[in-house]
C-alpha atoms as a PDB file:
ATOM      1  CA  UNK A   1    -180.517  40.472 -67.911  1.00  0.00           C
ATOM      2  CA  UNK A   2    -176.797  41.112 -68.259  1.00  0.00           C
ATOM      3  CA  UNK A   3    -174.354  38.273 -68.622  1.00  0.00           C
ATOM      4  CA  UNK A   4    -176.643  36.107 -70.746  1.00  0.00           C
ATOM      5  CA  UNK A   5    -176.611  35.986 -74.534  1.00  0.00           C
ATOM      6  CA  UNK A   6    -179.066  34.032 -76.634  1.00  0.00           C
ATOM      7  CA  UNK A   7    -178.215  32.299 -79.889  1.00  0.00           C
ATOM      8  CA  UNK A   8    -180.979  32.270 -82.467  1.00  0.00           C
ATOM      9  CA  UNK A   9    -181.733  30.351 -85.614  1.00  0.00           C
ATOM     10  CA  UNK A  10    -182.464  31.966 -88.983  1.00  0.00           C
ATOM     11  CA  UNK A  11    -186.086  32.601 -87.902  1.00  0.00           C
ATOM     12  CA  UNK A  12    -185.010  34.424 -84.747  1.00  0.00           C
ATOM     13  CA  UNK A  13    -186.036  31.599 -82.424  1.00  0.00           C
ATOM     14  CA  UNK A  14    -183.816  31.286 -79.367  1.00  0.00           C
ATOM     15  CA  UNK A  15    -181.969  27.983 -79.593  1.00  0.00           C
ATOM     16  CA  UNK A  16    -179.251  28.310 -76.955  1.00  0.00           C
ATOM     17  CA  UNK A  17    -177.971  30.544 -74.192  1.00  0.00           C
ATOM     18  CA  UNK A  18    -174.448  31.605 -73.305  1.00  0.00           C
ATOM     19  CA  UNK A  19    -174.230  32.333 -69.586  1.00  0.00           C
ATOM     20  CA  UNK A  20    -171.353  34.340 -68.079  1.00  0.00           C
ATOM     21  CA  UNK A  21    -170.462  32.146 -65.113  1.00  0.00           C
ATOM     22  CA  UNK A  22    -168.660  34.992 -63.342  1.00  0.00           C
ATOM     23  CA  UNK A  23    -171.943  36.913 -63.256  1.00  0.00           C
ATOM     24  CA  UNK A  24    -174.395  34.034 -62.831  1.00  0.00           C
ATOM     25  CA  UNK A  25    -172.527  31.326 -60.924  1.00  0.00           C
ATOM     26  CA  UNK A  26    -175.494  30.649 -58.599  1.00  0.00           C
ATOM     27  CA  UNK A  27    -177.860  30.301 -61.578  1.00  0.00           C
ATOM     28  CA  UNK A  28    -175.575  27.758 -63.229  1.00  0.00           C
ATOM     29  CA  UNK A  29    -175.271  25.797 -59.976  1.00  0.00           C
ATOM     30  CA  UNK A  30    -179.080  25.663 -59.766  1.00  0.00           C
ATOM     31  CA  UNK A  31    -179.325  24.440 -63.357  1.00  0.00           C
ATOM     32  CA  UNK A  32    -176.686  21.774 -62.702  1.00  0.00           C
ATOM     33  CA  UNK A  33    -178.538  20.638 -59.551  1.00  0.00           C
ATOM     34  CA  UNK A  34    -181.780  20.249 -61.519  1.00  0.00           C
ATOM     35  CA  UNK A  35    -180.026  18.198 -64.193  1.00  0.00           C
ATOM     36  CA  UNK A  36    -178.459  15.871 -61.603  1.00  0.00           C
ATOM     37  CA  UNK A  37    -181.795  15.497 -59.833  1.00  0.00           C
ATOM     38  CA  UNK A  38    -183.610  14.629 -63.073  1.00  0.00           C
ATOM     39  CA  UNK A  39    -180.938  12.122 -64.055  1.00  0.00           C
ATOM     40  CA  UNK A  40    -181.452  10.300 -60.730  1.00  0.00           C
ATOM     41  CA  UNK A  41    -185.265  10.127 -60.768  1.00  0.00           C
ATOM     42  CA  UNK A  42    -185.355   6.474 -61.768  1.00  0.00           C
ATOM     43  CA  UNK A  43    -182.781   5.389 -59.188  1.00  0.00           C
ATOM     44  CA  UNK A  44    -184.038   3.342 -56.289  1.00  0.00           C
ATOM     45  CA  UNK A  45    -183.783   4.936 -52.891  1.00  0.00           C
ATOM     46  CA  UNK A  46    -181.726   3.511 -50.050  1.00  0.00           C
ATOM     47  CA  UNK A  47    -183.496   3.057 -46.704  1.00  0.00           C
ATOM     48  CA  UNK A  48    -182.197   5.317 -43.939  1.00  0.00           C
ATOM     49  CA  UNK A  49    -181.531   2.312 -41.687  1.00  0.00           C
ATOM     50  CA  UNK A  50    -179.214   0.813 -44.302  1.00  0.00           C
ATOM     51  CA  UNK A  51    -177.287   4.097 -44.599  1.00  0.00           C
ATOM     52  CA  UNK A  52    -177.055   4.389 -40.818  1.00  0.00           C
ATOM     53  CA  UNK A  53    -175.886   0.794 -40.439  1.00  0.00           C
ATOM     54  CA  UNK A  54    -173.162   1.358 -43.024  1.00  0.00           C
ATOM     55  CA  UNK A  55    -172.000   4.562 -41.329  1.00  0.00           C
ATOM     56  CA  UNK A  56    -171.871   2.858 -37.921  1.00  0.00           C
ATOM     57  CA  UNK A  57    -170.000  -0.143 -39.370  1.00  0.00           C
ATOM     58  CA  UNK A  58    -167.433   2.124 -41.029  1.00  0.00           C
ATOM     59  CA  UNK A  59    -166.900   4.117 -37.831  1.00  0.00           C
ATOM     60  CA  UNK A  60    -168.226   7.345 -39.348  1.00  0.00           C
ATOM     61  CA  UNK A  61    -171.220   7.392 -36.996  1.00  0.00           C
ATOM     62  CA  UNK A  62    -170.788   6.467 -33.367  1.00  0.00           C
ATOM     63  CA  UNK A  63    -173.221   6.133 -30.490  1.00  0.00           C
ATOM     64  CA  UNK A  64    -176.379   5.489 -32.515  1.00  0.00           C
ATOM     65  CA  UNK A  65    -176.904   1.781 -32.689  1.00  0.00           C
ATOM     66  CA  UNK A  66    -180.688   1.504 -32.399  1.00  0.00           C
ATOM     67  CA  UNK A  67    -183.639   2.867 -34.305  1.00  0.00           C
ATOM     68  CA  UNK A  68    -184.950   4.464 -31.106  1.00  0.00           C
ATOM     69  CA  UNK A  69    -181.766   6.455 -30.626  1.00  0.00           C
ATOM     70  CA  UNK A  70    -181.734   7.528 -34.291  1.00  0.00           C
ATOM     71  CA  UNK A  71    -185.408   8.577 -34.179  1.00  0.00           C
ATOM     72  CA  UNK A  72    -184.787  10.771 -31.139  1.00  0.00           C
ATOM     73  CA  UNK A  73    -182.678  13.077 -33.318  1.00  0.00           C
ATOM     74  CA  UNK A  74    -185.650  14.112 -35.444  1.00  0.00           C
END
């Protein structure tokens, strides 16, 4: 696979990789997404209703003030 070089220790075991981001930008973005996802595993989720209420209160979401209306979008 071009654009990737492996660094090895004295025994020849791969210990690191150097990735050419010009060649493998999408691969790096996937790796970064996985790392962010793993770092957030222990975070508590926020209920959808709380997010919706905040968006409506801030004026970023208009016309959806009830759970029934929100559910009809699914």
